[in-house]
Amino acid sequence: MPHTRSAAKNLRKSDKRRSHNRNVKKDVKLQLKAFDTVIAAKGDSEAELKAAYKKLDKAAARGVIHPNTAARQKSQLAKKAAKAKA
């Protein structure tokens, strides 16, 4: 348990931030899985790809994930989409 008021406040803040970050990461993972599902079903992946890009960009902009991680995942998604089209 925190000993000071400021430590207690920092604990509350970190709990709130962790909860938010976990929700954002969960949303990103769900969107990536939705994209994989569309690719596996040979469906039109443009809308899912665009949504996945948006989720990744927002998470990186807000500091939830590292920008290089977002860029790497976007690149991998683009490769999958191109391969599915061909």
PDB file of N, CA and C in Angstrom:
ATOM      1  N   MET A   1       0.833  -1.183   0.000  1.00  0.00           N
ATOM      2  CA  MET A   1       0.000   0.000   0.000  1.00  0.00           C
ATOM      3  C   MET A   1       0.879   1.250   0.000  1.00  0.00           C
ATOM      4  N   PRO A   2       0.412   2.300  -0.667  1.00  0.00           N
ATOM      5  CA  PRO A   2       1.182   3.534  -0.717  1.00  0.00           C
ATOM      6  C   PRO A   2       1.231   4.212   0.660  1.00  0.00           C
ATOM      7  N   HIS A   3       2.332   4.866   0.912  1.00  0.00           N
ATOM      8  CA  HIS A   3       2.502   5.532   2.199  1.00  0.00           C
ATOM      9  C   HIS A   3       2.088   6.992   2.156  1.00  0.00           C
ATOM     10  N   THR A   4       2.172   7.616   0.995  1.00  0.00           N
ATOM     11  CA  THR A   4       1.865   9.040   0.893  1.00  0.00           C
ATOM     12  C   THR A   4       0.659   9.258  -0.011  1.00  0.00           C
ATOM     13  N   ARG A   5       0.092  10.469   0.093  1.00  0.00           N
ATOM     14  CA  ARG A   5      -1.061  10.799  -0.742  1.00  0.00           C
ATOM     15  C   ARG A   5      -0.694  10.787  -2.219  1.00  0.00           C
ATOM     16  N   SER A   6       0.495  11.294  -2.532  1.00  0.00           N
ATOM     17  CA  SER A   6       0.909  11.344  -3.932  1.00  0.00           C
ATOM     18  C   SER A   6       1.127   9.940  -4.492  1.00  0.00           C
ATOM     19  N   ALA A   7       1.646   9.046  -3.647  1.00  0.00           N
ATOM     20  CA  ALA A   7       1.832   7.664  -4.091  1.00  0.00           C
ATOM     21  C   ALA A   7       0.491   6.993  -4.328  1.00  0.00           C
ATOM     22  N   ALA A   8      -0.485   7.306  -3.493  1.00  0.00           N
ATOM     23  CA  ALA A   8      -1.829   6.746  -3.667  1.00  0.00           C
ATOM     24  C   ALA A   8      -2.447   7.244  -4.967  1.00  0.00           C
ATOM     25  N   LYS A   9      -2.252   8.535  -5.240  1.00  0.00           N
ATOM     26  CA  LYS A   9      -2.789   9.102  -6.478  1.00  0.00           C
ATOM     27  C   LYS A   9      -2.104   8.481  -7.690  1.00  0.00           C
ATOM     28  N   ASN A  10      -0.779   8.316  -7.611  1.00  0.00           N
ATOM     29  CA  ASN A  10      -0.062   7.696  -8.725  1.00  0.00           C
ATOM     30  C   ASN A  10      -0.532   6.268  -8.954  1.00  0.00           C
ATOM     31  N   LEU A  11      -0.860   5.564  -7.892  1.00  0.00           N
ATOM     32  CA  LEU A  11      -1.378   4.199  -8.022  1.00  0.00           C
ATOM     33  C   LEU A  11      -2.722   4.201  -8.749  1.00  0.00           C
ATOM     34  N   ARG A  12      -3.589   5.145  -8.375  1.00  0.00           N
ATOM     35  CA  ARG A  12      -4.892   5.251  -9.047  1.00  0.00           C
ATOM     36  C   ARG A  12      -4.710   5.579 -10.528  1.00  0.00           C
ATOM     37  N   LYS A  13      -3.791   6.510 -10.810  1.00  0.00           N
ATOM     38  CA  LYS A  13      -3.558   6.897 -12.201  1.00  0.00           C
ATOM     39  C   LYS A  13      -3.007   5.738 -13.024  1.00  0.00           C
ATOM     40  N   SER A  14      -2.067   5.013 -12.445  1.00  0.00           N
ATOM     41  CA  SER A  14      -1.467   3.911 -13.191  1.00  0.00           C
ATOM     42  C   SER A  14      -2.476   2.796 -13.429  1.00  0.00           C
ATOM     43  N   ASP A  15      -3.371   2.565 -12.451  1.00  0.00           N
ATOM     44  CA  ASP A  15      -4.424   1.561 -12.641  1.00  0.00           C
ATOM     45  C   ASP A  15      -5.349   1.958 -13.791  1.00  0.00           C
ATOM     46  N   LYS A  16      -5.717   3.223 -13.826  1.00  0.00           N
ATOM     47  CA  LYS A  16      -6.614   3.712 -14.876  1.00  0.00           C
ATOM     48  C   LYS A  16      -5.935   3.619 -16.240  1.00  0.00           C
ATOM     49  N   ARG A  17      -4.658   4.015 -16.288  1.00  0.00           N
ATOM     50  CA  ARG A  17      -3.917   3.959 -17.552  1.00  0.00           C
ATOM     51  C   ARG A  17      -3.742   2.528 -18.028  1.00  0.00           C
ATOM     52  N   ARG A  18      -3.405   1.629 -17.109  1.00  0.00           N
ATOM     53  CA  ARG A  18      -3.225   0.228 -17.488  1.00  0.00           C
ATOM     54  C   ARG A  18      -4.518  -0.345 -18.059  1.00  0.00           C
ATOM     55  N   SER A  19      -5.629  -0.028 -17.404  1.00  0.00           N
ATOM     56  CA  SER A  19      -6.926  -0.507 -17.878  1.00  0.00           C
ATOM     57  C   SER A  19      -7.219   0.020 -19.285  1.00  0.00           C
ATOM     58  N   HIS A  20      -6.978   1.296 -19.501  1.00  0.00           N
ATOM     59  CA  HIS A  20      -7.231   1.881 -20.817  1.00  0.00           C
ATOM     60  C   HIS A  20      -6.325   1.265 -21.879  1.00  0.00           C
ATOM     61  N   ASN A  21      -5.038   1.136 -21.552  1.00  0.00           N
ATOM     62  CA  ASN A  21      -4.091   0.583 -22.514  1.00  0.00           C
ATOM     63  C   ASN A  21      -4.443  -0.856 -22.862  1.00  0.00           C
ATOM     64  N   ARG A  22      -4.877  -1.632 -21.879  1.00  0.00           N
ATOM     65  CA  ARG A  22      -5.264  -3.015 -22.148  1.00  0.00           C
ATOM     66  C   ARG A  22      -6.466  -3.071 -23.080  1.00  0.00           C
ATOM     67  N   ASN A  23      -7.423  -2.160 -22.888  1.00  0.00           N
ATOM     68  CA  ASN A  23      -8.594  -2.126 -23.761  1.00  0.00           C
ATOM     69  C   ASN A  23      -8.209  -1.754 -25.190  1.00  0.00           C
ATOM     70  N   VAL A  24      -7.307  -0.807 -25.333  1.00  0.00           N
ATOM     71  CA  VAL A  24      -6.874  -0.385 -26.677  1.00  0.00           C
ATOM     72  C   VAL A  24      -6.145  -1.540 -27.365  1.00  0.00           C
ATOM     73  N   LYS A  25      -5.239  -2.208 -26.642  1.00  0.00           N
ATOM     74  CA  LYS A  25      -4.515  -3.336 -27.224  1.00  0.00           C
ATOM     75  C   LYS A  25      -5.469  -4.462 -27.611  1.00  0.00           C
ATOM     76  N   LYS A  26      -6.488  -4.672 -26.780  1.00  0.00           N
ATOM     77  CA  LYS A  26      -7.477  -5.706 -27.074  1.00  0.00           C
ATOM     78  C   LYS A  26      -8.232  -5.363 -28.364  1.00  0.00           C
ATOM     79  N   ASP A  27      -8.611  -4.094 -28.516  1.00  0.00           N
ATOM     80  CA  ASP A  27      -9.307  -3.658 -29.728  1.00  0.00           C
ATOM     81  C   ASP A  27      -8.439  -3.866 -30.966  1.00  0.00           C
ATOM     82  N   VAL A  28      -7.153  -3.562 -30.845  1.00  0.00           N
ATOM     83  CA  VAL A  28      -6.230  -3.741 -31.971  1.00  0.00           C
ATOM     84  C   VAL A  28      -6.153  -5.221 -32.337  1.00  0.00           C
ATOM     85  N   LYS A  29      -5.997  -6.077 -31.332  1.00  0.00           N
ATOM     86  CA  LYS A  29      -5.892  -7.515 -31.596  1.00  0.00           C
ATOM     87  C   LYS A  29      -7.163  -8.066 -32.225  1.00  0.00           C
ATOM     88  N   LEU A  30      -8.319  -7.596 -31.743  1.00  0.00           N
ATOM     89  CA  LEU A  30      -9.581  -8.061 -32.323  1.00  0.00           C
ATOM     90  C   LEU A  30      -9.702  -7.631 -33.779  1.00  0.00           C
ATOM     91  N   GLN A  31      -9.254  -6.417 -34.085  1.00  0.00           N
ATOM     92  CA  GLN A  31      -9.315  -5.935 -35.466  1.00  0.00           C
ATOM     93  C   GLN A  31      -8.377  -6.732 -36.363  1.00  0.00           C
ATOM     94  N   LEU A  32      -7.185  -7.070 -35.852  1.00  0.00           N
ATOM     95  CA  LEU A  32      -6.242  -7.865 -36.638  1.00  0.00           C
ATOM     96  C   LEU A  32      -6.801  -9.263 -36.892  1.00  0.00           C
ATOM     97  N   LYS A  33      -7.486  -9.824 -35.895  1.00  0.00           N
ATOM     98  CA  LYS A  33      -8.099 -11.135 -36.083  1.00  0.00           C
ATOM     99  C   LYS A  33      -9.238 -11.069 -37.096  1.00  0.00           C
ATOM    100  N   ALA A  34      -9.990  -9.976 -37.070  1.00  0.00           N
ATOM    101  CA  ALA A  34     -11.075  -9.798 -38.042  1.00  0.00           C
ATOM    102  C   ALA A  34     -10.505  -9.726 -39.454  1.00  0.00           C
ATOM    103  N   PHE A  35      -9.384  -9.037 -39.600  1.00  0.00           N
ATOM    104  CA  PHE A  35      -8.722  -8.958 -40.899  1.00  0.00           C
ATOM    105  C   PHE A  35      -8.284 -10.352 -41.353  1.00  0.00           C
ATOM    106  N   ASP A  36      -7.666 -11.123 -40.453  1.00  0.00           N
ATOM    107  CA  ASP A  36      -7.230 -12.479 -40.794  1.00  0.00           C
ATOM    108  C   ASP A  36      -8.409 -13.356 -41.197  1.00  0.00           C
ATOM    109  N   THR A  37      -9.536 -13.171 -40.522  1.00  0.00           N
ATOM    110  CA  THR A  37     -10.737 -13.951 -40.842  1.00  0.00           C
ATOM    111  C   THR A  37     -11.229 -13.638 -42.253  1.00  0.00           C
ATOM    112  N   VAL A  38     -11.225 -12.367 -42.607  1.00  0.00           N
ATOM    113  CA  VAL A  38     -11.666 -11.963 -43.945  1.00  0.00           C
ATOM    114  C   VAL A  38     -10.704 -12.500 -44.999  1.00  0.00           C
ATOM    115  N   ILE A  39      -9.416 -12.448 -44.713  1.00  0.00           N
ATOM    116  CA  ILE A  39      -8.413 -12.967 -45.648  1.00  0.00           C
ATOM    117  C   ILE A  39      -8.610 -14.477 -45.837  1.00  0.00           C
ATOM    118  N   ALA A  40      -8.850 -15.186 -44.739  1.00  0.00           N
ATOM    119  CA  ALA A  40      -9.026 -16.638 -44.819  1.00  0.00           C
ATOM    120  C   ALA A  40     -10.290 -17.005 -45.588  1.00  0.00           C
ATOM    121  N   ALA A  41     -11.316 -16.157 -45.486  1.00  0.00           N
ATOM    122  CA  ALA A  41     -12.580 -16.423 -46.169  1.00  0.00           C
ATOM    123  C   ALA A  41     -12.574 -15.918 -47.608  1.00  0.00           C
ATOM    124  N   LYS A  42     -11.429 -15.397 -48.058  1.00  0.00           N
ATOM    125  CA  LYS A  42     -11.278 -14.884 -49.426  1.00  0.00           C
ATOM    126  C   LYS A  42     -12.257 -13.752 -49.714  1.00  0.00           C
ATOM    127  N   GLY A  43     -12.573 -12.968 -48.674  1.00  0.00           N
ATOM    128  CA  GLY A  43     -13.488 -11.847 -48.840  1.00  0.00           C
ATOM    129  C   GLY A  43     -12.753 -10.583 -49.246  1.00  0.00           C
ATOM    130  N   ASP A  44     -13.516  -9.494 -49.348  1.00  0.00           N
ATOM    131  CA  ASP A  44     -12.925  -8.199 -49.684  1.00  0.00           C
ATOM    132  C   ASP A  44     -12.287  -7.628 -48.428  1.00  0.00           C
ATOM    133  N   SER A  45     -10.987  -7.470 -48.452  1.00  0.00           N
ATOM    134  CA  SER A  45     -10.254  -7.092 -47.250  1.00  0.00           C
ATOM    135  C   SER A  45      -9.960  -5.597 -47.150  1.00  0.00           C
ATOM    136  N   GLU A  46     -10.400  -4.800 -48.124  1.00  0.00           N
ATOM    137  CA  GLU A  46     -10.068  -3.376 -48.114  1.00  0.00           C
ATOM    138  C   GLU A  46     -10.592  -2.670 -46.869  1.00  0.00           C
ATOM    139  N   ALA A  47     -11.849  -2.894 -46.528  1.00  0.00           N
ATOM    140  CA  ALA A  47     -12.443  -2.214 -45.375  1.00  0.00           C
ATOM    141  C   ALA A  47     -11.771  -2.649 -44.079  1.00  0.00           C
ATOM    142  N   GLU A  48     -11.512  -3.936 -43.957  1.00  0.00           N
ATOM    143  CA  GLU A  48     -10.863  -4.443 -42.744  1.00  0.00           C
ATOM    144  C   GLU A  48      -9.429  -3.932 -42.640  1.00  0.00           C
ATOM    145  N   LEU A  49      -8.755  -3.840 -43.770  1.00  0.00           N
ATOM    146  CA  LEU A  49      -7.386  -3.332 -43.776  1.00  0.00           C
ATOM    147  C   LEU A  49      -7.357  -1.869 -43.334  1.00  0.00           C
ATOM    148  N   LYS A  50      -8.285  -1.092 -43.851  1.00  0.00           N
ATOM    149  CA  LYS A  50      -8.372   0.320 -43.483  1.00  0.00           C
ATOM    150  C   LYS A  50      -8.666   0.486 -41.999  1.00  0.00           C
ATOM    151  N   ALA A  51      -9.574  -0.334 -41.467  1.00  0.00           N
ATOM    152  CA  ALA A  51      -9.912  -0.264 -40.047  1.00  0.00           C
ATOM    153  C   ALA A  51      -8.729  -0.669 -39.180  1.00  0.00           C
ATOM    154  N   ALA A  52      -7.992  -1.683 -39.621  1.00  0.00           N
ATOM    155  CA  ALA A  52      -6.823  -2.133 -38.865  1.00  0.00           C
ATOM    156  C   ALA A  52      -5.745  -1.051 -38.853  1.00  0.00           C
ATOM    157  N   TYR A  53      -5.532  -0.412 -39.996  1.00  0.00           N
ATOM    158  CA  TYR A  53      -4.569   0.691 -40.061  1.00  0.00           C
ATOM    159  C   TYR A  53      -4.951   1.797 -39.069  1.00  0.00           C
ATOM    160  N   LYS A  54      -6.237   2.115 -39.043  1.00  0.00           N
ATOM    161  CA  LYS A  54      -6.713   3.186 -38.176  1.00  0.00           C
ATOM    162  C   LYS A  54      -6.471   2.855 -36.708  1.00  0.00           C
ATOM    163  N   LYS A  55      -6.801   1.619 -36.312  1.00  0.00           N
ATOM    164  CA  LYS A  55      -6.594   1.211 -34.918  1.00  0.00           C
ATOM    165  C   LYS A  55      -5.114   1.249 -34.554  1.00  0.00           C
ATOM    166  N   LEU A  56      -4.266   0.749 -35.439  1.00  0.00           N
ATOM    167  CA  LEU A  56      -2.833   0.732 -35.160  1.00  0.00           C
ATOM    168  C   LEU A  56      -2.273   2.152 -35.058  1.00  0.00           C
ATOM    169  N   ASP A  57      -2.685   3.020 -35.975  1.00  0.00           N
ATOM    170  CA  ASP A  57      -2.190   4.396 -35.962  1.00  0.00           C
ATOM    171  C   ASP A  57      -2.612   5.129 -34.695  1.00  0.00           C
ATOM    172  N   LYS A  58      -3.865   4.932 -34.277  1.00  0.00           N
ATOM    173  CA  LYS A  58      -4.334   5.595 -33.067  1.00  0.00           C
ATOM    174  C   LYS A  58      -3.591   5.090 -31.835  1.00  0.00           C
ATOM    175  N   ALA A  59      -3.389   3.784 -31.762  1.00  0.00           N
ATOM    176  CA  ALA A  59      -2.685   3.223 -30.612  1.00  0.00           C
ATOM    177  C   ALA A  59      -1.253   3.743 -30.555  1.00  0.00           C
ATOM    178  N   ALA A  60      -0.603   3.858 -31.697  1.00  0.00           N
ATOM    179  CA  ALA A  60       0.775   4.357 -31.730  1.00  0.00           C
ATOM    180  C   ALA A  60       0.821   5.849 -31.398  1.00  0.00           C
ATOM    181  N   ALA A  61      -0.129   6.609 -31.891  1.00  0.00           N
ATOM    182  CA  ALA A  61      -0.149   8.048 -31.639  1.00  0.00           C
ATOM    183  C   ALA A  61      -0.364   8.349 -30.161  1.00  0.00           C
ATOM    184  N   ARG A  62      -1.122   7.506 -29.502  1.00  0.00           N
ATOM    185  CA  ARG A  62      -1.411   7.734 -28.082  1.00  0.00           C
ATOM    186  C   ARG A  62      -0.395   7.077 -27.164  1.00  0.00           C
ATOM    187  N   GLY A  63       0.597   6.428 -27.742  1.00  0.00           N
ATOM    188  CA  GLY A  63       1.659   5.864 -26.931  1.00  0.00           C
ATOM    189  C   GLY A  63       1.344   4.526 -26.311  1.00  0.00           C
ATOM    190  N   VAL A  64       0.287   3.878 -26.765  1.00  0.00           N
ATOM    191  CA  VAL A  64      -0.066   2.570 -26.213  1.00  0.00           C
ATOM    192  C   VAL A  64       0.882   1.505 -26.747  1.00  0.00           C
ATOM    193  N   ILE A  65       1.193   1.602 -28.032  1.00  0.00           N
ATOM    194  CA  ILE A  65       2.188   0.709 -28.629  1.00  0.00           C
ATOM    195  C   ILE A  65       3.273   1.555 -29.272  1.00  0.00           C
ATOM    196  N   HIS A  66       4.412   0.964 -29.491  1.00  0.00           N
ATOM    197  CA  HIS A  66       5.533   1.692 -30.097  1.00  0.00           C
ATOM    198  C   HIS A  66       5.226   1.957 -31.566  1.00  0.00           C
ATOM    199  N   PRO A  67       5.591   3.132 -32.076  1.00  0.00           N
ATOM    200  CA  PRO A  67       5.323   3.449 -33.486  1.00  0.00           C
ATOM    201  C   PRO A  67       5.940   2.448 -34.463  1.00  0.00           C
ATOM    202  N   ASN A  68       7.120   1.930 -34.136  1.00  0.00           N
ATOM    203  CA  ASN A  68       7.739   0.942 -35.028  1.00  0.00           C
ATOM    204  C   ASN A  68       6.951  -0.357 -35.051  1.00  0.00           C
ATOM    205  N   THR A  69       6.349  -0.716 -33.932  1.00  0.00           N
ATOM    206  CA  THR A  69       5.505  -1.908 -33.874  1.00  0.00           C
ATOM    207  C   THR A  69       4.304  -1.724 -34.790  1.00  0.00           C
ATOM    208  N   ALA A  70       3.687  -0.559 -34.723  1.00  0.00           N
ATOM    209  CA  ALA A  70       2.537  -0.275 -35.583  1.00  0.00           C
ATOM    210  C   ALA A  70       2.947  -0.328 -37.053  1.00  0.00           C
ATOM    211  N   ALA A  71       4.089   0.254 -37.376  1.00  0.00           N
ATOM    212  CA  ALA A  71       4.556   0.270 -38.763  1.00  0.00           C
ATOM    213  C   ALA A  71       4.831  -1.150 -39.253  1.00  0.00           C
ATOM    214  N   ARG A  72       5.457  -1.949 -38.397  1.00  0.00           N
ATOM    215  CA  ARG A  72       5.766  -3.331 -38.776  1.00  0.00           C
ATOM    216  C   ARG A  72       4.485  -4.121 -39.020  1.00  0.00           C
ATOM    217  N   GLN A  73       3.508  -3.966 -38.131  1.00  0.00           N
ATOM    218  CA  GLN A  73       2.257  -4.702 -38.290  1.00  0.00           C
ATOM    219  C   GLN A  73       1.487  -4.244 -39.518  1.00  0.00           C
ATOM    220  N   LYS A  74       1.519  -2.956 -39.808  1.00  0.00           N
ATOM    221  CA  LYS A  74       0.857  -2.449 -41.012  1.00  0.00           C
ATOM    222  C   LYS A  74       1.507  -3.016 -42.268  1.00  0.00           C
ATOM    223  N   SER A  75       2.820  -3.122 -42.254  1.00  0.00           N
ATOM    224  CA  SER A  75       3.537  -3.688 -43.384  1.00  0.00           C
ATOM    225  C   SER A  75       3.153  -5.152 -43.589  1.00  0.00           C
ATOM    226  N   GLN A  76       3.070  -5.885 -42.490  1.00  0.00           N
ATOM    227  CA  GLN A  76       2.693  -7.297 -42.581  1.00  0.00           C
ATOM    228  C   GLN A  76       1.267  -7.462 -43.106  1.00  0.00           C
ATOM    229  N   LEU A  77       0.371  -6.565 -42.670  1.00  0.00           N
ATOM    230  CA  LEU A  77      -1.006  -6.619 -43.155  1.00  0.00           C
ATOM    231  C   LEU A  77      -1.072  -6.323 -44.650  1.00  0.00           C
ATOM    232  N   ALA A  78      -0.288  -5.349 -45.099  1.00  0.00           N
ATOM    233  CA  ALA A  78      -0.272  -4.999 -46.516  1.00  0.00           C
ATOM    234  C   ALA A  78       0.218  -6.173 -47.352  1.00  0.00           C
ATOM    235  N   LYS A  79       1.237  -6.876 -46.862  1.00  0.00           N
ATOM    236  CA  LYS A  79       1.744  -8.054 -47.569  1.00  0.00           C
ATOM    237  C   LYS A  79       0.674  -9.129 -47.664  1.00  0.00           C
ATOM    238  N   LYS A  80      -0.032  -9.376 -46.558  1.00  0.00           N
ATOM    239  CA  LYS A  80      -1.099 -10.380 -46.568  1.00  0.00           C
ATOM    240  C   LYS A  80      -2.199 -10.005 -47.548  1.00  0.00           C
ATOM    241  N   ALA A  81      -2.567  -8.725 -47.559  1.00  0.00           N
ATOM    242  CA  ALA A  81      -3.639  -8.270 -48.461  1.00  0.00           C
ATOM    243  C   ALA A  81      -3.205  -8.407 -49.915  1.00  0.00           C
ATOM    244  N   ALA A  82      -1.958  -8.070 -50.221  1.00  0.00           N
ATOM    245  CA  ALA A  82      -1.469  -8.174 -51.587  1.00  0.00           C
ATOM    246  C   ALA A  82      -1.410  -9.639 -52.016  1.00  0.00           C
ATOM    247  N   LYS A  83      -0.987 -10.491 -51.107  1.00  0.00           N
ATOM    248  CA  LYS A  83      -0.902 -11.911 -51.417  1.00  0.00           C
ATOM    249  C   LYS A  83      -2.293 -12.501 -51.662  1.00  0.00           C
ATOM    250  N   ALA A  84      -3.273 -12.030 -50.889  1.00  0.00           N
ATOM    251  CA  ALA A  84      -4.645 -12.529 -51.040  1.00  0.00           C
ATOM    252  C   ALA A  84      -5.250 -12.070 -52.363  1.00  0.00           C
ATOM    253  N   LYS A  85      -4.896 -10.872 -52.812  1.00  0.00           N
ATOM    254  CA  LYS A  85      -5.418 -10.372 -54.085  1.00  0.00           C
ATOM    255  C   LYS A  85      -4.849 -11.140 -55.263  1.00  0.00           C
ATOM    256  N   ALA A  86      -3.591 -11.536 -55.141  1.00  0.00           N
ATOM    257  CA  ALA A  86      -2.917 -12.209 -56.253  1.00  0.00           C
ATOM    258  C   ALA A  86      -3.376 -13.641 -56.409  1.00  0.00           C
TER     259      ALA A  86
END
